[in-house]
């Protein structure tokens, strides 16, 4: 009889624990994702941080490389970026790429983040590597704008230096025409 009593007691304990678990009603993954999306839309930093914690739970409970995992990684990197934690956002993407190296959604987020941070060479590499045409055009445009700005800055610096030098002889760059040829070289002409 003593052996039956501990066995029935353990069955009672097990039944009690099961009813406790059922009464708690743990949220499903869909409910977690829905609440994380709502929290992420808030302008409140605490809400965004709570959304990060929820997305981390979703990512940890997902199969590496599946769609839900990719969605969680994208959401985490975007939230960290919104919170000003750009390095953390890039680290999350880099770490996840071990498991989802061919996922274009994660690569698109990575490319967009690199572009926003001004890492244009790296963004260009990722966009070409993954054939992200729409982002590749955007990155190429940004690179062209930066190159043009660099050229203009170089011409301005050259003009300033020339003004200082020519000023010693009573001349100015208004008399000096500086042009950049198609070959990228500069030519100088002096007006009299």
C-alpha atoms as a PDB file:
ATOM      1  CA  UNK A   1       0.000   0.000   0.000  1.00  0.00           C
ATOM      2  CA  UNK A   2       2.911   2.316   0.687  1.00  0.00           C
ATOM      3  CA  UNK A   3       4.143   1.945  -2.885  1.00  0.00           C
ATOM      4  CA  UNK A   4       0.712   2.868  -4.266  1.00  0.00           C
ATOM      5  CA  UNK A   5       0.452   5.980  -2.123  1.00  0.00           C
ATOM      6  CA  UNK A   6       3.632   7.696  -3.472  1.00  0.00           C
ATOM      7  CA  UNK A   7       2.655   6.764  -7.010  1.00  0.00           C
ATOM      8  CA  UNK A   8      -0.835   8.240  -6.695  1.00  0.00           C
ATOM      9  CA  UNK A   9       0.638  11.262  -4.941  1.00  0.00           C
ATOM     10  CA  UNK A  10       3.075  11.850  -7.813  1.00  0.00           C
ATOM     11  CA  UNK A  11       0.202  11.471 -10.300  1.00  0.00           C
ATOM     12  CA  UNK A  12      -1.785  14.031  -8.327  1.00  0.00           C
ATOM     13  CA  UNK A  13       1.218  16.377  -8.337  1.00  0.00           C
ATOM     14  CA  UNK A  14       1.631  15.909 -12.072  1.00  0.00           C
ATOM     15  CA  UNK A  15      -2.057  16.597 -12.692  1.00  0.00           C
ATOM     16  CA  UNK A  16      -1.864  19.719 -10.516  1.00  0.00           C
ATOM     17  CA  UNK A  17       1.161  20.992 -12.426  1.00  0.00           C
ATOM     18  CA  UNK A  18      -0.525  20.334 -15.766  1.00  0.00           C
ATOM     19  CA  UNK A  19      -3.616  22.238 -14.707  1.00  0.00           C
ATOM     20  CA  UNK A  20      -1.359  25.091 -13.543  1.00  0.00           C
ATOM     21  CA  UNK A  21       0.306  25.224 -16.937  1.00  0.00           C
ATOM     22  CA  UNK A  22      -3.031  25.157 -18.729  1.00  0.00           C
ATOM     23  CA  UNK A  23      -4.393  27.942 -16.555  1.00  0.00           C
ATOM     24  CA  UNK A  24      -1.372  30.156 -17.273  1.00  0.00           C
ATOM     25  CA  UNK A  25      -2.046  30.120 -20.986  1.00  0.00           C
ATOM     26  CA  UNK A  26       1.382  30.962 -22.281  1.00  0.00           C
ATOM     27  CA  UNK A  27       1.218  33.177 -25.352  1.00  0.00           C
ATOM     28  CA  UNK A  28       1.611  31.519 -28.710  1.00  0.00           C
ATOM     29  CA  UNK A  29       4.329  32.567 -31.097  1.00  0.00           C
ATOM     30  CA  UNK A  30       1.740  34.358 -33.228  1.00  0.00           C
ATOM     31  CA  UNK A  31       0.546  36.322 -30.201  1.00  0.00           C
ATOM     32  CA  UNK A  32       4.137  37.189 -29.300  1.00  0.00           C
ATOM     33  CA  UNK A  33       4.849  38.425 -32.826  1.00  0.00           C
ATOM     34  CA  UNK A  34       1.660  40.472 -32.865  1.00  0.00           C
ATOM     35  CA  UNK A  35       2.456  42.160 -29.550  1.00  0.00           C
ATOM     36  CA  UNK A  36       6.072  42.779 -30.628  1.00  0.00           C
ATOM     37  CA  UNK A  37       4.871  44.493 -33.804  1.00  0.00           C
ATOM     38  CA  UNK A  38       2.491  46.703 -31.814  1.00  0.00           C
ATOM     39  CA  UNK A  39       5.199  47.631 -29.311  1.00  0.00           C
ATOM     40  CA  UNK A  40       7.674  48.377 -32.115  1.00  0.00           C
ATOM     41  CA  UNK A  41       5.299  50.951 -33.627  1.00  0.00           C
ATOM     42  CA  UNK A  42       5.318  52.961 -30.414  1.00  0.00           C
ATOM     43  CA  UNK A  43       7.550  56.014 -30.085  1.00  0.00           C
ATOM     44  CA  UNK A  44       8.336  55.045 -26.495  1.00  0.00           C
ATOM     45  CA  UNK A  45      11.859  53.681 -25.970  1.00  0.00           C
ATOM     46  CA  UNK A  46      10.715  51.248 -23.256  1.00  0.00           C
ATOM     47  CA  UNK A  47       8.113  49.785 -25.614  1.00  0.00           C
ATOM     48  CA  UNK A  48      10.729  49.320 -28.324  1.00  0.00           C
ATOM     49  CA  UNK A  49      13.064  47.618 -25.833  1.00  0.00           C
ATOM     50  CA  UNK A  50      10.236  45.293 -24.786  1.00  0.00           C
ATOM     51  CA  UNK A  51       9.652  44.528 -28.483  1.00  0.00           C
ATOM     52  CA  UNK A  52      13.363  43.661 -28.760  1.00  0.00           C
ATOM     53  CA  UNK A  53      13.035  41.198 -25.860  1.00  0.00           C
ATOM     54  CA  UNK A  54       9.985  39.583 -27.454  1.00  0.00           C
ATOM     55  CA  UNK A  55      11.652  39.286 -30.876  1.00  0.00           C
ATOM     56  CA  UNK A  56      14.693  37.731 -29.173  1.00  0.00           C
ATOM     57  CA  UNK A  57      12.413  35.079 -27.626  1.00  0.00           C
ATOM     58  CA  UNK A  58      10.822  34.449 -31.015  1.00  0.00           C
ATOM     59  CA  UNK A  59      14.234  34.130 -32.710  1.00  0.00           C
ATOM     60  CA  UNK A  60      15.528  31.784 -30.013  1.00  0.00           C
ATOM     61  CA  UNK A  61      12.462  29.565 -30.279  1.00  0.00           C
ATOM     62  CA  UNK A  62      12.584  29.428 -34.088  1.00  0.00           C
ATOM     63  CA  UNK A  63      14.325  26.975 -36.332  1.00  0.00           C
ATOM     64  CA  UNK A  64      17.526  28.574 -37.580  1.00  0.00           C
ATOM     65  CA  UNK A  65      17.085  29.767 -41.129  1.00  0.00           C
ATOM     66  CA  UNK A  66      13.288  29.521 -41.370  1.00  0.00           C
ATOM     67  CA  UNK A  67      11.009  32.425 -42.290  1.00  0.00           C
ATOM     68  CA  UNK A  68      10.036  33.299 -38.725  1.00  0.00           C
ATOM     69  CA  UNK A  69      13.707  33.363 -37.740  1.00  0.00           C
ATOM     70  CA  UNK A  70      14.476  35.709 -40.647  1.00  0.00           C
ATOM     71  CA  UNK A  71      11.539  37.949 -39.698  1.00  0.00           C
ATOM     72  CA  UNK A  72      12.769  38.078 -36.097  1.00  0.00           C
ATOM     73  CA  UNK A  73      16.329  38.953 -37.161  1.00  0.00           C
ATOM     74  CA  UNK A  74      15.054  41.705 -39.459  1.00  0.00           C
ATOM     75  CA  UNK A  75      12.813  43.108 -36.734  1.00  0.00           C
ATOM     76  CA  UNK A  76      15.629  42.985 -34.161  1.00  0.00           C
ATOM     77  CA  UNK A  77      18.100  44.767 -36.416  1.00  0.00           C
ATOM     78  CA  UNK A  78      15.553  47.428 -37.397  1.00  0.00           C
ATOM     79  CA  UNK A  79      14.594  48.032 -33.746  1.00  0.00           C
ATOM     80  CA  UNK A  80      18.221  48.313 -32.646  1.00  0.00           C
ATOM     81  CA  UNK A  81      18.800  50.736 -35.498  1.00  0.00           C
ATOM     82  CA  UNK A  82      15.796  52.824 -34.412  1.00  0.00           C
ATOM     83  CA  UNK A  83      17.187  52.829 -30.869  1.00  0.00           C
ATOM     84  CA  UNK A  84      20.490  54.173 -32.214  1.00  0.00           C
ATOM     85  CA  UNK A  85      22.346  50.906 -31.642  1.00  0.00           C
ATOM     86  CA  UNK A  86      23.596  50.519 -35.210  1.00  0.00           C
ATOM     87  CA  UNK A  87      26.622  48.379 -34.346  1.00  0.00           C
ATOM     88  CA  UNK A  88      24.407  45.959 -32.449  1.00  0.00           C
ATOM     89  CA  UNK A  89      22.008  45.798 -35.408  1.00  0.00           C
ATOM     90  CA  UNK A  90      24.868  44.922 -37.760  1.00  0.00           C
ATOM     91  CA  UNK A  91      26.226  42.320 -35.304  1.00  0.00           C
ATOM     92  CA  UNK A  92      22.831  40.605 -35.114  1.00  0.00           C
ATOM     93  CA  UNK A  93      22.698  40.422 -38.902  1.00  0.00           C
ATOM     94  CA  UNK A  94      26.277  39.163 -39.204  1.00  0.00           C
ATOM     95  CA  UNK A  95      25.694  36.471 -36.562  1.00  0.00           C
ATOM     96  CA  UNK A  96      22.459  35.322 -38.200  1.00  0.00           C
ATOM     97  CA  UNK A  97      24.077  35.065 -41.626  1.00  0.00           C
ATOM     98  CA  UNK A  98      25.910  31.961 -40.408  1.00  0.00           C
ATOM     99  CA  UNK A  99      22.538  30.203 -40.597  1.00  0.00           C
ATOM    100  CA  UNK A 100      20.717  32.202 -43.264  1.00  0.00           C
ATOM    101  CA  UNK A 101      23.511  33.276 -45.608  1.00  0.00           C
ATOM    102  CA  UNK A 102      21.255  33.243 -48.648  1.00  0.00           C
ATOM    103  CA  UNK A 103      18.202  34.968 -47.156  1.00  0.00           C
ATOM    104  CA  UNK A 104      17.648  38.050 -49.310  1.00  0.00           C
ATOM    105  CA  UNK A 105      15.441  39.738 -46.705  1.00  0.00           C
ATOM    106  CA  UNK A 106      18.225  39.769 -44.142  1.00  0.00           C
ATOM    107  CA  UNK A 107      20.756  40.817 -46.777  1.00  0.00           C
ATOM    108  CA  UNK A 108      18.399  43.627 -47.877  1.00  0.00           C
ATOM    109  CA  UNK A 109      18.169  44.859 -44.272  1.00  0.00           C
ATOM    110  CA  UNK A 110      21.954  44.640 -43.960  1.00  0.00           C
ATOM    111  CA  UNK A 111      22.481  46.575 -47.179  1.00  0.00           C
ATOM    112  CA  UNK A 112      19.959  49.250 -46.185  1.00  0.00           C
ATOM    113  CA  UNK A 113      21.562  49.658 -42.766  1.00  0.00           C
ATOM    114  CA  UNK A 114      25.060  49.877 -44.246  1.00  0.00           C
ATOM    115  CA  UNK A 115      23.798  52.455 -46.749  1.00  0.00           C
ATOM    116  CA  UNK A 116      22.187  54.543 -43.996  1.00  0.00           C
ATOM    117  CA  UNK A 117      25.412  54.446 -41.979  1.00  0.00           C
ATOM    118  CA  UNK A 118      27.451  55.577 -44.979  1.00  0.00           C
ATOM    119  CA  UNK A 119      29.382  52.311 -45.411  1.00  0.00           C
ATOM    120  CA  UNK A 120      28.800  52.518 -49.145  1.00  0.00           C
ATOM    121  CA  UNK A 121      31.591  50.195 -50.280  1.00  0.00           C
ATOM    122  CA  UNK A 122      30.331  47.422 -48.010  1.00  0.00           C
ATOM    123  CA  UNK A 123      26.703  48.104 -49.017  1.00  0.00           C
ATOM    124  CA  UNK A 124      27.725  47.927 -52.678  1.00  0.00           C
ATOM    125  CA  UNK A 125      29.496  44.605 -52.090  1.00  0.00           C
ATOM    126  CA  UNK A 126      26.446  43.098 -50.355  1.00  0.00           C
ATOM    127  CA  UNK A 127      24.003  44.377 -52.980  1.00  0.00           C
ATOM    128  CA  UNK A 128      26.089  42.957 -55.848  1.00  0.00           C
ATOM    129  CA  UNK A 129      26.796  39.712 -54.026  1.00  0.00           C
ATOM    130  CA  UNK A 130      23.098  39.080 -53.417  1.00  0.00           C
ATOM    131  CA  UNK A 131      21.806  40.649 -56.643  1.00  0.00           C
ATOM    132  CA  UNK A 132      19.707  43.252 -54.829  1.00  0.00           C
ATOM    133  CA  UNK A 133      19.116  45.411 -57.895  1.00  0.00           C
ATOM    134  CA  UNK A 134      16.817  47.991 -56.282  1.00  0.00           C
ATOM    135  CA  UNK A 135      19.310  48.640 -53.487  1.00  0.00           C
ATOM    136  CA  UNK A 136      22.281  48.482 -55.826  1.00  0.00           C
ATOM    137  CA  UNK A 137      20.925  51.446 -57.787  1.00  0.00           C
ATOM    138  CA  UNK A 138      20.394  53.420 -54.589  1.00  0.00           C
ATOM    139  CA  UNK A 139      23.924  52.628 -53.372  1.00  0.00           C
ATOM    140  CA  UNK A 140      25.434  53.498 -56.764  1.00  0.00           C
ATOM    141  CA  UNK A 141      23.620  56.857 -56.696  1.00  0.00           C
ATOM    142  CA  UNK A 142      24.965  57.574 -53.208  1.00  0.00           C
ATOM    143  CA  UNK A 143      28.484  56.659 -54.285  1.00  0.00           C
ATOM    144  CA  UNK A 144      28.207  58.990 -57.296  1.00  0.00           C
ATOM    145  CA  UNK A 145      26.942  61.809 -55.052  1.00  0.00           C
ATOM    146  CA  UNK A 146      29.821  61.254 -52.621  1.00  0.00           C
ATOM    147  CA  UNK A 147      32.363  61.219 -55.441  1.00  0.00           C
ATOM    148  CA  UNK A 148      30.943  64.465 -56.842  1.00  0.00           C
ATOM    149  CA  UNK A 149      31.036  66.044 -53.381  1.00  0.00           C
ATOM    150  CA  UNK A 150      34.648  64.881 -52.955  1.00  0.00           C
ATOM    151  CA  UNK A 151      35.571  66.428 -56.313  1.00  0.00           C
ATOM    152  CA  UNK A 152      33.918  69.714 -55.355  1.00  0.00           C
ATOM    153  CA  UNK A 153      35.690  69.676 -51.988  1.00  0.00           C
ATOM    154  CA  UNK A 154      39.012  69.023 -53.726  1.00  0.00           C
ATOM    155  CA  UNK A 155      38.430  71.912 -56.138  1.00  0.00           C
ATOM    156  CA  UNK A 156      37.490  74.209 -53.251  1.00  0.00           C
ATOM    157  CA  UNK A 157      40.613  73.190 -51.323  1.00  0.00           C
ATOM    158  CA  UNK A 158      42.703  73.742 -54.443  1.00  0.00           C
ATOM    159  CA  UNK A 159      41.128  77.174 -54.956  1.00  0.00           C
ATOM    160  CA  UNK A 160      41.779  78.130 -51.317  1.00  0.00           C
ATOM    161  CA  UNK A 161      45.398  77.008 -51.552  1.00  0.00           C
ATOM    162  CA  UNK A 162      45.792  78.795 -54.866  1.00  0.00           C
ATOM    163  CA  UNK A 163      44.316  82.003 -53.397  1.00  0.00           C
ATOM    164  CA  UNK A 164      46.839  81.911 -50.577  1.00  0.00           C
ATOM    165  CA  UNK A 165      49.723  81.306 -52.947  1.00  0.00           C
ATOM    166  CA  UNK A 166      48.648  83.784 -55.643  1.00  0.00           C
ATOM    167  CA  UNK A 167      47.797  86.387 -53.004  1.00  0.00           C
ATOM    168  CA  UNK A 168      51.512  86.711 -52.268  1.00  0.00           C
ATOM    169  CA  UNK A 169      51.968  88.017 -55.803  1.00  0.00           C
ATOM    170  CA  UNK A 170      48.888  90.234 -55.841  1.00  0.00           C
ATOM    171  CA  UNK A 171      46.899  87.764 -57.937  1.00  0.00           C
ATOM    172  CA  UNK A 172      43.749  85.776 -57.243  1.00  0.00           C
ATOM    173  CA  UNK A 173      42.071  82.618 -58.464  1.00  0.00           C
ATOM    174  CA  UNK A 174      39.493  84.760 -60.237  1.00  0.00           C
ATOM    175  CA  UNK A 175      42.233  85.154 -62.839  1.00  0.00           C
ATOM    176  CA  UNK A 176      42.943  81.416 -62.725  1.00  0.00           C
ATOM    177  CA  UNK A 177      40.635  78.973 -64.471  1.00  0.00           C
ATOM    178  CA  UNK A 178      40.778  75.448 -63.115  1.00  0.00           C
ATOM    179  CA  UNK A 179      39.081  72.714 -65.087  1.00  0.00           C
ATOM    180  CA  UNK A 180      38.916  68.996 -64.712  1.00  0.00           C
ATOM    181  CA  UNK A 181      39.264  67.088 -67.956  1.00  0.00           C
ATOM    182  CA  UNK A 182      37.464  63.914 -68.917  1.00  0.00           C
ATOM    183  CA  UNK A 183      40.565  61.986 -67.954  1.00  0.00           C
ATOM    184  CA  UNK A 184      40.244  63.310 -64.383  1.00  0.00           C
ATOM    185  CA  UNK A 185      43.287  65.567 -64.589  1.00  0.00           C
ATOM    186  CA  UNK A 186      43.144  69.261 -63.793  1.00  0.00           C
ATOM    187  CA  UNK A 187      44.235  72.018 -66.156  1.00  0.00           C
ATOM    188  CA  UNK A 188      45.031  75.623 -65.237  1.00  0.00           C
ATOM    189  CA  UNK A 189      44.765  78.765 -67.362  1.00  0.00           C
ATOM    190  CA  UNK A 190      45.672  82.283 -66.257  1.00  0.00           C
ATOM    191  CA  UNK A 191      43.558  85.207 -67.508  1.00  0.00           C
ATOM    192  CA  UNK A 192      45.401  88.472 -67.959  1.00  0.00           C
END
